[in-house]
Amino acid sequence: MQLSRAFTSLSEEPIKFGLSPRDPTPASTIFNGKTTYLLDRSKQSVYSEFIRRTNMQLPAFVRLLCGETSTDRRPKKHIDVPTQHPAWKNYIFISQ
């Protein structure tokens, strides 16, 4: 849930500067029977221009990507174990 919130925030920030990705690039292509994974050049271009226009340093951009806030600095909060969820109640290795 936190990860999707981080990406939503990251996708909204460039829009404030009039930037938005064009058509999305396919995630992969198959050539001679081999799958090749591709970068989304459109998104890369938008984020690069966003960083230039805002003079944002790379660490600040990574914090934005990870969904860090001034009140919650944990960069990997999206991989926290949801111990409050009822399904974890009987998990025997929870203390490890």
PDB file of N, CA and C in Angstrom:
ATOM      1  N   MET A   1       0.824  -1.183   0.000  1.00  0.00           N
ATOM      2  CA  MET A   1       0.000   0.000   0.000  1.00  0.00           C
ATOM      3  C   MET A   1       0.875   1.255   0.000  1.00  0.00           C
ATOM      4  N   GLN A   2       1.900   1.285   0.813  1.00  0.00           N
ATOM      5  CA  GLN A   2       2.792   2.438   0.867  1.00  0.00           C
ATOM      6  C   GLN A   2       3.530   2.626  -0.456  1.00  0.00           C
ATOM      7  N   LEU A   3       3.929   1.519  -1.094  1.00  0.00           N
ATOM      8  CA  LEU A   3       4.664   1.614  -2.345  1.00  0.00           C
ATOM      9  C   LEU A   3       3.807   2.275  -3.412  1.00  0.00           C
ATOM     10  N   SER A   4       2.550   1.861  -3.524  1.00  0.00           N
ATOM     11  CA  SER A   4       1.682   2.472  -4.528  1.00  0.00           C
ATOM     12  C   SER A   4       1.481   3.955  -4.232  1.00  0.00           C
ATOM     13  N   ARG A   5       1.428   4.323  -2.952  1.00  0.00           N
ATOM     14  CA  ARG A   5       1.305   5.725  -2.565  1.00  0.00           C
ATOM     15  C   ARG A   5       2.551   6.500  -2.997  1.00  0.00           C
ATOM     16  N   ALA A   6       3.725   5.886  -2.870  1.00  0.00           N
ATOM     17  CA  ALA A   6       4.966   6.544  -3.280  1.00  0.00           C
ATOM     18  C   ALA A   6       4.968   6.786  -4.781  1.00  0.00           C
ATOM     19  N   PHE A   7       4.555   5.795  -5.565  1.00  0.00           N
ATOM     20  CA  PHE A   7       4.537   5.961  -7.004  1.00  0.00           C
ATOM     21  C   PHE A   7       3.483   6.973  -7.431  1.00  0.00           C
ATOM     22  N   THR A   8       2.357   7.008  -6.731  1.00  0.00           N
ATOM     23  CA  THR A   8       1.340   8.008  -7.033  1.00  0.00           C
ATOM     24  C   THR A   8       1.916   9.393  -6.805  1.00  0.00           C
ATOM     25  N   SER A   9       2.592   9.579  -5.684  1.00  0.00           N
ATOM     26  CA  SER A   9       3.212  10.860  -5.372  1.00  0.00           C
ATOM     27  C   SER A   9       4.260  11.212  -6.420  1.00  0.00           C
ATOM     28  N   LEU A  10       5.081  10.244  -6.785  1.00  0.00           N
ATOM     29  CA  LEU A  10       6.133  10.482  -7.763  1.00  0.00           C
ATOM     30  C   LEU A  10       5.534  10.818  -9.123  1.00  0.00           C
ATOM     31  N   SER A  11       4.441  10.184  -9.500  1.00  0.00           N
ATOM     32  CA  SER A  11       3.840  10.475 -10.799  1.00  0.00           C
ATOM     33  C   SER A  11       3.123  11.824 -10.801  1.00  0.00           C
ATOM     34  N   GLU A  12       2.695  12.298  -9.628  1.00  0.00           N
ATOM     35  CA  GLU A  12       1.998  13.582  -9.549  1.00  0.00           C
ATOM     36  C   GLU A  12       2.959  14.772  -9.540  1.00  0.00           C
ATOM     37  N   GLU A  13       4.138  14.604  -8.998  1.00  0.00           N
ATOM     38  CA  GLU A  13       5.081  15.726  -8.879  1.00  0.00           C
ATOM     39  C   GLU A  13       5.459  16.332 -10.231  1.00  0.00           C
ATOM     40  N   PRO A  14       5.852  15.538 -11.246  1.00  0.00           N
ATOM     41  CA  PRO A  14       6.209  16.158 -12.535  1.00  0.00           C
ATOM     42  C   PRO A  14       5.048  16.910 -13.180  1.00  0.00           C
ATOM     43  N   ILE A  15       3.811  16.474 -12.928  1.00  0.00           N
ATOM     44  CA  ILE A  15       2.645  17.138 -13.511  1.00  0.00           C
ATOM     45  C   ILE A  15       2.566  18.583 -13.027  1.00  0.00           C
ATOM     46  N   LYS A  16       3.009  18.835 -11.792  1.00  0.00           N
ATOM     47  CA  LYS A  16       3.010  20.200 -11.256  1.00  0.00           C
ATOM     48  C   LYS A  16       3.898  21.127 -12.081  1.00  0.00           C
ATOM     49  N   PHE A  17       4.857  20.536 -12.831  1.00  0.00           N
ATOM     50  CA  PHE A  17       5.784  21.310 -13.657  1.00  0.00           C
ATOM     51  C   PHE A  17       5.450  21.177 -15.141  1.00  0.00           C
ATOM     52  N   GLY A  18       4.236  20.689 -15.438  1.00  0.00           N
ATOM     53  CA  GLY A  18       3.803  20.562 -16.827  1.00  0.00           C
ATOM     54  C   GLY A  18       4.428  19.396 -17.562  1.00  0.00           C
ATOM     55  N   LEU A  19       4.900  18.405 -16.828  1.00  0.00           N
ATOM     56  CA  LEU A  19       5.543  17.249 -17.446  1.00  0.00           C
ATOM     57  C   LEU A  19       4.680  16.011 -17.267  1.00  0.00           C
ATOM     58  N   SER A  20       4.555  15.235 -18.320  1.00  0.00           N
ATOM     59  CA  SER A  20       3.887  13.941 -18.197  1.00  0.00           C
ATOM     60  C   SER A  20       4.425  13.018 -19.282  1.00  0.00           C
ATOM     61  N   PRO A  21       4.570  11.740 -18.957  1.00  0.00           N
ATOM     62  CA  PRO A  21       5.107  10.802 -19.946  1.00  0.00           C
ATOM     63  C   PRO A  21       4.181  10.682 -21.152  1.00  0.00           C
ATOM     64  N   ARG A  22       4.803  10.480 -22.319  1.00  0.00           N
ATOM     65  CA  ARG A  22       4.020  10.194 -23.516  1.00  0.00           C
ATOM     66  C   ARG A  22       3.552   8.750 -23.422  1.00  0.00           C
ATOM     67  N   ASP A  23       3.422   8.103 -24.515  1.00  0.00           N
ATOM     68  CA  ASP A  23       2.998   6.705 -24.519  1.00  0.00           C
ATOM     69  C   ASP A  23       4.007   5.850 -23.772  1.00  0.00           C
ATOM     70  N   PRO A  24       3.530   4.927 -22.936  1.00  0.00           N
ATOM     71  CA  PRO A  24       4.460   4.067 -22.193  1.00  0.00           C
ATOM     72  C   PRO A  24       5.234   3.131 -23.121  1.00  0.00           C
ATOM     73  N   THR A  25       6.461   2.872 -22.753  1.00  0.00           N
ATOM     74  CA  THR A  25       7.307   1.943 -23.488  1.00  0.00           C
ATOM     75  C   THR A  25       6.965   0.530 -23.049  1.00  0.00           C
ATOM     76  N   PRO A  26       6.955  -0.429 -23.977  1.00  0.00           N
ATOM     77  CA  PRO A  26       6.726  -1.820 -23.549  1.00  0.00           C
ATOM     78  C   PRO A  26       7.804  -2.252 -22.558  1.00  0.00           C
ATOM     79  N   ALA A  27       7.440  -3.086 -21.606  1.00  0.00           N
ATOM     80  CA  ALA A  27       8.388  -3.527 -20.578  1.00  0.00           C
ATOM     81  C   ALA A  27       9.441  -4.472 -21.141  1.00  0.00           C
ATOM     82  N   SER A  28       9.088  -5.211 -22.187  1.00  0.00           N
ATOM     83  CA  SER A  28      10.046  -6.159 -22.760  1.00  0.00           C
ATOM     84  C   SER A  28       9.712  -6.398 -24.221  1.00  0.00           C
ATOM     85  N   THR A  29      10.664  -6.992 -24.914  1.00  0.00           N
ATOM     86  CA  THR A  29      10.479  -7.386 -26.299  1.00  0.00           C
ATOM     87  C   THR A  29      11.129  -8.747 -26.489  1.00  0.00           C
ATOM     88  N   ILE A  30      10.660  -9.491 -27.460  1.00  0.00           N
ATOM     89  CA  ILE A  30      11.252 -10.798 -27.748  1.00  0.00           C
ATOM     90  C   ILE A  30      11.929 -10.709 -29.104  1.00  0.00           C
ATOM     91  N   PHE A  31      13.225 -11.026 -29.128  1.00  0.00           N
ATOM     92  CA  PHE A  31      14.017 -10.990 -30.351  1.00  0.00           C
ATOM     93  C   PHE A  31      14.793 -12.291 -30.447  1.00  0.00           C
ATOM     94  N   ASN A  32      14.617 -13.011 -31.531  1.00  0.00           N
ATOM     95  CA  ASN A  32      15.256 -14.323 -31.723  1.00  0.00           C
ATOM     96  C   ASN A  32      14.967 -15.270 -30.564  1.00  0.00           C
ATOM     97  N   GLY A  33      13.747 -15.215 -30.046  1.00  0.00           N
ATOM     98  CA  GLY A  33      13.354 -16.122 -28.973  1.00  0.00           C
ATOM     99  C   GLY A  33      13.866 -15.739 -27.594  1.00  0.00           C
ATOM    100  N   LYS A  34      14.552 -14.614 -27.476  1.00  0.00           N
ATOM    101  CA  LYS A  34      15.073 -14.166 -26.177  1.00  0.00           C
ATOM    102  C   LYS A  34      14.328 -12.909 -25.738  1.00  0.00           C
ATOM    103  N   THR A  35      13.979 -12.885 -24.475  1.00  0.00           N
ATOM    104  CA  THR A  35      13.300 -11.717 -23.919  1.00  0.00           C
ATOM    105  C   THR A  35      14.329 -10.673 -23.526  1.00  0.00           C
ATOM    106  N   THR A  36      14.122  -9.465 -23.992  1.00  0.00           N
ATOM    107  CA  THR A  36      14.970  -8.337 -23.626  1.00  0.00           C
ATOM    108  C   THR A  36      14.095  -7.329 -22.897  1.00  0.00           C
ATOM    109  N   TYR A  37      14.521  -6.924 -21.708  1.00  0.00           N
ATOM    110  CA  TYR A  37      13.761  -5.964 -20.914  1.00  0.00           C
ATOM    111  C   TYR A  37      14.197  -4.554 -21.276  1.00  0.00           C
ATOM    112  N   LEU A  38      13.237  -3.668 -21.381  1.00  0.00           N
ATOM    113  CA  LEU A  38      13.481  -2.317 -21.865  1.00  0.00           C
ATOM    114  C   LEU A  38      13.234  -1.276 -20.783  1.00  0.00           C
ATOM    115  N   LEU A  39      13.979  -0.178 -20.869  1.00  0.00           N
ATOM    116  CA  LEU A  39      13.728   0.970 -19.999  1.00  0.00           C
ATOM    117  C   LEU A  39      12.558   1.757 -20.570  1.00  0.00           C
ATOM    118  N   ASP A  40      11.766   2.335 -19.722  1.00  0.00           N
ATOM    119  CA  ASP A  40      10.687   3.206 -20.173  1.00  0.00           C
ATOM    120  C   ASP A  40      11.317   4.572 -20.445  1.00  0.00           C
ATOM    121  N   ARG A  41      11.738   4.776 -21.697  1.00  0.00           N
ATOM    122  CA  ARG A  41      12.461   6.002 -22.068  1.00  0.00           C
ATOM    123  C   ARG A  41      11.596   7.250 -21.889  1.00  0.00           C
ATOM    124  N   SER A  42      10.307   7.114 -22.094  1.00  0.00           N
ATOM    125  CA  SER A  42       9.412   8.255 -21.911  1.00  0.00           C
ATOM    126  C   SER A  42       9.410   8.702 -20.452  1.00  0.00           C
ATOM    127  N   LYS A  43       9.254   7.748 -19.548  1.00  0.00           N
ATOM    128  CA  LYS A  43       9.253   8.061 -18.116  1.00  0.00           C
ATOM    129  C   LYS A  43      10.630   8.570 -17.686  1.00  0.00           C
ATOM    130  N   GLN A  44      11.689   7.961 -18.222  1.00  0.00           N
ATOM    131  CA  GLN A  44      13.045   8.394 -17.896  1.00  0.00           C
ATOM    132  C   GLN A  44      13.241   9.857 -18.297  1.00  0.00           C
ATOM    133  N   SER A  45      12.748  10.212 -19.468  1.00  0.00           N
ATOM    134  CA  SER A  45      12.881  11.577 -19.955  1.00  0.00           C
ATOM    135  C   SER A  45      12.132  12.565 -19.060  1.00  0.00           C
ATOM    136  N   VAL A  46      10.918  12.203 -18.652  1.00  0.00           N
ATOM    137  CA  VAL A  46      10.122  13.080 -17.783  1.00  0.00           C
ATOM    138  C   VAL A  46      10.802  13.261 -16.430  1.00  0.00           C
ATOM    139  N   TYR A  47      11.257  12.167 -15.828  1.00  0.00           N
ATOM    140  CA  TYR A  47      11.905  12.268 -14.517  1.00  0.00           C
ATOM    141  C   TYR A  47      13.211  13.049 -14.608  1.00  0.00           C
ATOM    142  N   SER A  48      13.950  12.855 -15.693  1.00  0.00           N
ATOM    143  CA  SER A  48      15.197  13.587 -15.874  1.00  0.00           C
ATOM    144  C   SER A  48      14.928  15.090 -15.986  1.00  0.00           C
ATOM    145  N   GLU A  49      13.938  15.454 -16.782  1.00  0.00           N
ATOM    146  CA  GLU A  49      13.577  16.869 -16.924  1.00  0.00           C
ATOM    147  C   GLU A  49      13.042  17.432 -15.609  1.00  0.00           C
ATOM    148  N   PHE A  50      12.264  16.647 -14.872  1.00  0.00           N
ATOM    149  CA  PHE A  50      11.747  17.058 -13.563  1.00  0.00           C
ATOM    150  C   PHE A  50      12.901  17.381 -12.616  1.00  0.00           C
ATOM    151  N   ILE A  51      13.903  16.503 -12.582  1.00  0.00           N
ATOM    152  CA  ILE A  51      15.062  16.717 -11.708  1.00  0.00           C
ATOM    153  C   ILE A  51      15.802  17.987 -12.116  1.00  0.00           C
ATOM    154  N   ARG A  52      15.957  18.221 -13.427  1.00  0.00           N
ATOM    155  CA  ARG A  52      16.637  19.432 -13.894  1.00  0.00           C
ATOM    156  C   ARG A  52      15.849  20.692 -13.526  1.00  0.00           C
ATOM    157  N   ARG A  53      14.551  20.677 -13.760  1.00  0.00           N
ATOM    158  CA  ARG A  53      13.736  21.873 -13.492  1.00  0.00           C
ATOM    159  C   ARG A  53      13.651  22.207 -12.008  1.00  0.00           C
ATOM    160  N   THR A  54      13.660  21.192 -11.172  1.00  0.00           N
ATOM    161  CA  THR A  54      13.532  21.439  -9.735  1.00  0.00           C
ATOM    162  C   THR A  54      14.880  21.565  -9.038  1.00  0.00           C
ATOM    163  N   ASN A  55      15.966  21.317  -9.764  1.00  0.00           N
ATOM    164  CA  ASN A  55      17.310  21.280  -9.177  1.00  0.00           C
ATOM    165  C   ASN A  55      17.378  20.288  -8.022  1.00  0.00           C
ATOM    166  N   MET A  56      16.581  19.233  -8.112  1.00  0.00           N
ATOM    167  CA  MET A  56      16.533  18.224  -7.059  1.00  0.00           C
ATOM    168  C   MET A  56      17.792  17.358  -7.119  1.00  0.00           C
ATOM    169  N   GLN A  57      18.392  17.129  -5.968  1.00  0.00           N
ATOM    170  CA  GLN A  57      19.538  16.241  -5.879  1.00  0.00           C
ATOM    171  C   GLN A  57      19.053  14.792  -5.924  1.00  0.00           C
ATOM    172  N   LEU A  58      19.910  13.892  -6.381  1.00  0.00           N
ATOM    173  CA  LEU A  58      19.536  12.489  -6.513  1.00  0.00           C
ATOM    174  C   LEU A  58      19.023  11.886  -5.204  1.00  0.00           C
ATOM    175  N   PRO A  59      19.669  12.133  -4.046  1.00  0.00           N
ATOM    176  CA  PRO A  59      19.141  11.566  -2.801  1.00  0.00           C
ATOM    177  C   PRO A  59      17.697  12.007  -2.513  1.00  0.00           C
ATOM    178  N   ALA A  60      17.374  13.259  -2.818  1.00  0.00           N
ATOM    179  CA  ALA A  60      16.006  13.743  -2.598  1.00  0.00           C
ATOM    180  C   ALA A  60      15.033  13.045  -3.544  1.00  0.00           C
ATOM    181  N   PHE A  61      15.460  12.807  -4.785  1.00  0.00           N
ATOM    182  CA  PHE A  61      14.605  12.101  -5.742  1.00  0.00           C
ATOM    183  C   PHE A  61      14.365  10.663  -5.288  1.00  0.00           C
ATOM    184  N   VAL A  62      15.394  10.012  -4.783  1.00  0.00           N
ATOM    185  CA  VAL A  62      15.248   8.639  -4.290  1.00  0.00           C
ATOM    186  C   VAL A  62      14.302   8.613  -3.093  1.00  0.00           C
ATOM    187  N   ARG A  63      14.402   9.609  -2.211  1.00  0.00           N
ATOM    188  CA  ARG A  63      13.472   9.677  -1.077  1.00  0.00           C
ATOM    189  C   ARG A  63      12.034   9.839  -1.567  1.00  0.00           C
ATOM    190  N   LEU A  64      11.838  10.650  -2.606  1.00  0.00           N
ATOM    191  CA  LEU A  64      10.511  10.809  -3.197  1.00  0.00           C
ATOM    192  C   LEU A  64      10.036   9.479  -3.782  1.00  0.00           C
ATOM    193  N   LEU A  65      10.912   8.794  -4.477  1.00  0.00           N
ATOM    194  CA  LEU A  65      10.591   7.493  -5.063  1.00  0.00           C
ATOM    195  C   LEU A  65      10.211   6.478  -3.992  1.00  0.00           C
ATOM    196  N   CYS A  66      10.925   6.497  -2.872  1.00  0.00           N
ATOM    197  CA  CYS A  66      10.669   5.538  -1.786  1.00  0.00           C
ATOM    198  C   CYS A  66       9.498   5.944  -0.903  1.00  0.00           C
ATOM    199  N   GLY A  67       8.952   7.125  -1.120  1.00  0.00           N
ATOM    200  CA  GLY A  67       7.795   7.552  -0.342  1.00  0.00           C
ATOM    201  C   GLY A  67       8.140   8.057   1.040  1.00  0.00           C
ATOM    202  N   GLU A  68       9.394   8.462   1.243  1.00  0.00           N
ATOM    203  CA  GLU A  68       9.767   8.995   2.550  1.00  0.00           C
ATOM    204  C   GLU A  68       9.112  10.355   2.759  1.00  0.00           C
ATOM    205  N   THR A  69       8.773  10.627   3.992  1.00  0.00           N
ATOM    206  CA  THR A  69       8.229  11.935   4.359  1.00  0.00           C
ATOM    207  C   THR A  69       9.033  12.461   5.538  1.00  0.00           C
ATOM    208  N   SER A  70       8.793  13.704   5.899  1.00  0.00           N
ATOM    209  CA  SER A  70       9.534  14.266   7.033  1.00  0.00           C
ATOM    210  C   SER A  70       9.145  13.584   8.338  1.00  0.00           C
ATOM    211  N   THR A  71       7.948  13.001   8.400  1.00  0.00           N
ATOM    212  CA  THR A  71       7.516  12.318   9.622  1.00  0.00           C
ATOM    213  C   THR A  71       7.822  10.824   9.613  1.00  0.00           C
ATOM    214  N   ASP A  72       8.091  10.255   8.443  1.00  0.00           N
ATOM    215  CA  ASP A  72       8.385   8.819   8.338  1.00  0.00           C
ATOM    216  C   ASP A  72       9.540   8.626   7.371  1.00  0.00           C
ATOM    217  N   ARG A  73      10.751   8.484   7.906  1.00  0.00           N
ATOM    218  CA  ARG A  73      11.961   8.418   7.094  1.00  0.00           C
ATOM    219  C   ARG A  73      12.346   7.001   6.678  1.00  0.00           C
ATOM    220  N   ARG A  74      11.538   5.993   7.025  1.00  0.00           N
ATOM    221  CA  ARG A  74      11.897   4.618   6.674  1.00  0.00           C
ATOM    222  C   ARG A  74      11.787   4.424   5.165  1.00  0.00           C
ATOM    223  N   PRO A  75      12.903   4.141   4.482  1.00  0.00           N
ATOM    224  CA  PRO A  75      12.861   4.048   3.025  1.00  0.00           C
ATOM    225  C   PRO A  75      12.191   2.789   2.498  1.00  0.00           C
ATOM    226  N   LYS A  76      12.133   1.737   3.277  1.00  0.00           N
ATOM    227  CA  LYS A  76      11.582   0.479   2.768  1.00  0.00           C
ATOM    228  C   LYS A  76      10.333   0.078   3.536  1.00  0.00           C
ATOM    229  N   LYS A  77       9.515   1.040   3.866  1.00  0.00           N
ATOM    230  CA  LYS A  77       8.328   0.753   4.667  1.00  0.00           C
ATOM    231  C   LYS A  77       7.338  -0.142   3.934  1.00  0.00           C
ATOM    232  N   HIS A  78       7.421  -0.198   2.605  1.00  0.00           N
ATOM    233  CA  HIS A  78       6.508  -1.042   1.845  1.00  0.00           C
ATOM    234  C   HIS A  78       6.810  -2.531   2.003  1.00  0.00           C
ATOM    235  N   ILE A  79       7.958  -2.872   2.590  1.00  0.00           N
ATOM    236  CA  ILE A  79       8.250  -4.290   2.815  1.00  0.00           C
ATOM    237  C   ILE A  79       8.150  -4.668   4.290  1.00  0.00           C
ATOM    238  N   ASP A  80       7.570  -3.788   5.092  1.00  0.00           N
ATOM    239  CA  ASP A  80       7.342  -4.114   6.502  1.00  0.00           C
ATOM    240  C   ASP A  80       6.413  -5.316   6.616  1.00  0.00           C
ATOM    241  N   VAL A  81       6.677  -6.157   7.590  1.00  0.00           N
ATOM    242  CA  VAL A  81       5.805  -7.297   7.867  1.00  0.00           C
ATOM    243  C   VAL A  81       4.573  -6.775   8.594  1.00  0.00           C
ATOM    244  N   PRO A  82       3.386  -7.033   8.062  1.00  0.00           N
ATOM    245  CA  PRO A  82       2.165  -6.512   8.689  1.00  0.00           C
ATOM    246  C   PRO A  82       1.744  -7.357   9.882  1.00  0.00           C
ATOM    247  N   THR A  83       2.497  -7.293  10.968  1.00  0.00           N
ATOM    248  CA  THR A  83       2.248  -8.157  12.126  1.00  0.00           C
ATOM    249  C   THR A  83       0.895  -7.914  12.775  1.00  0.00           C
ATOM    250  N   GLN A  84       0.287  -6.770  12.538  1.00  0.00           N
ATOM    251  CA  GLN A  84      -1.026  -6.516  13.116  1.00  0.00           C
ATOM    252  C   GLN A  84      -2.132  -7.255  12.363  1.00  0.00           C
ATOM    253  N   HIS A  85      -1.825  -7.787  11.176  1.00  0.00           N
ATOM    254  CA  HIS A  85      -2.827  -8.503  10.378  1.00  0.00           C
ATOM    255  C   HIS A  85      -3.142  -9.849  11.032  1.00  0.00           C
ATOM    256  N   PRO A  86      -4.403 -10.243  11.101  1.00  0.00           N
ATOM    257  CA  PRO A  86      -4.791 -11.499  11.760  1.00  0.00           C
ATOM    258  C   PRO A  86      -4.093 -12.740  11.198  1.00  0.00           C
ATOM    259  N   ALA A  87      -3.707 -12.717   9.933  1.00  0.00           N
ATOM    260  CA  ALA A  87      -3.051 -13.881   9.335  1.00  0.00           C
ATOM    261  C   ALA A  87      -1.697 -14.165   9.979  1.00  0.00           C
ATOM    262  N   TRP A  88      -1.071 -13.165  10.582  1.00  0.00           N
ATOM    263  CA  TRP A  88       0.244 -13.332  11.206  1.00  0.00           C
ATOM    264  C   TRP A  88       0.140 -13.828  12.647  1.00  0.00           C
ATOM    265  N   LYS A  89      -1.038 -13.905  13.178  1.00  0.00           N
ATOM    266  CA  LYS A  89      -1.241 -14.251  14.585  1.00  0.00           C
ATOM    267  C   LYS A  89      -0.588 -15.574  14.971  1.00  0.00           C
ATOM    268  N   ASN A  90      -0.674 -16.578  14.123  1.00  0.00           N
ATOM    269  CA  ASN A  90      -0.148 -17.911  14.437  1.00  0.00           C
ATOM    270  C   ASN A  90       1.182 -18.222  13.760  1.00  0.00           C
ATOM    271  N   TYR A  91       1.842 -17.233  13.187  1.00  0.00           N
ATOM    272  CA  TYR A  91       3.116 -17.466  12.511  1.00  0.00           C
ATOM    273  C   TYR A  91       4.194 -17.744  13.555  1.00  0.00           C
ATOM    274  N   ILE A  92       4.801 -18.937  13.484  1.00  0.00           N
ATOM    275  CA  ILE A  92       5.706 -19.372  14.558  1.00  0.00           C
ATOM    276  C   ILE A  92       7.061 -18.674  14.539  1.00  0.00           C
ATOM    277  N   PHE A  93       7.467 -18.106  13.415  1.00  0.00           N
ATOM    278  CA  PHE A  93       8.792 -17.486  13.332  1.00  0.00           C
ATOM    279  C   PHE A  93       8.737 -15.966  13.477  1.00  0.00           C
ATOM    280  N   ILE A  94       7.640 -15.441  13.947  1.00  0.00           N
ATOM    281  CA  ILE A  94       7.456 -13.992  14.029  1.00  0.00           C
ATOM    282  C   ILE A  94       8.490 -13.315  14.932  1.00  0.00           C
ATOM    283  N   SER A  95       8.989 -14.003  15.926  1.00  0.00           N
ATOM    284  CA  SER A  95       9.953 -13.394  16.848  1.00  0.00           C
ATOM    285  C   SER A  95      11.369 -13.374  16.285  1.00  0.00           C
ATOM    286  N   GLN A  96      11.607 -14.025  15.174  1.00  0.00           N
ATOM    287  CA  GLN A  96      12.974 -14.090  14.624  1.00  0.00           C
ATOM    288  C   GLN A  96      13.248 -12.970  13.694  1.00  0.00           C
TER     289      GLN A  96
END
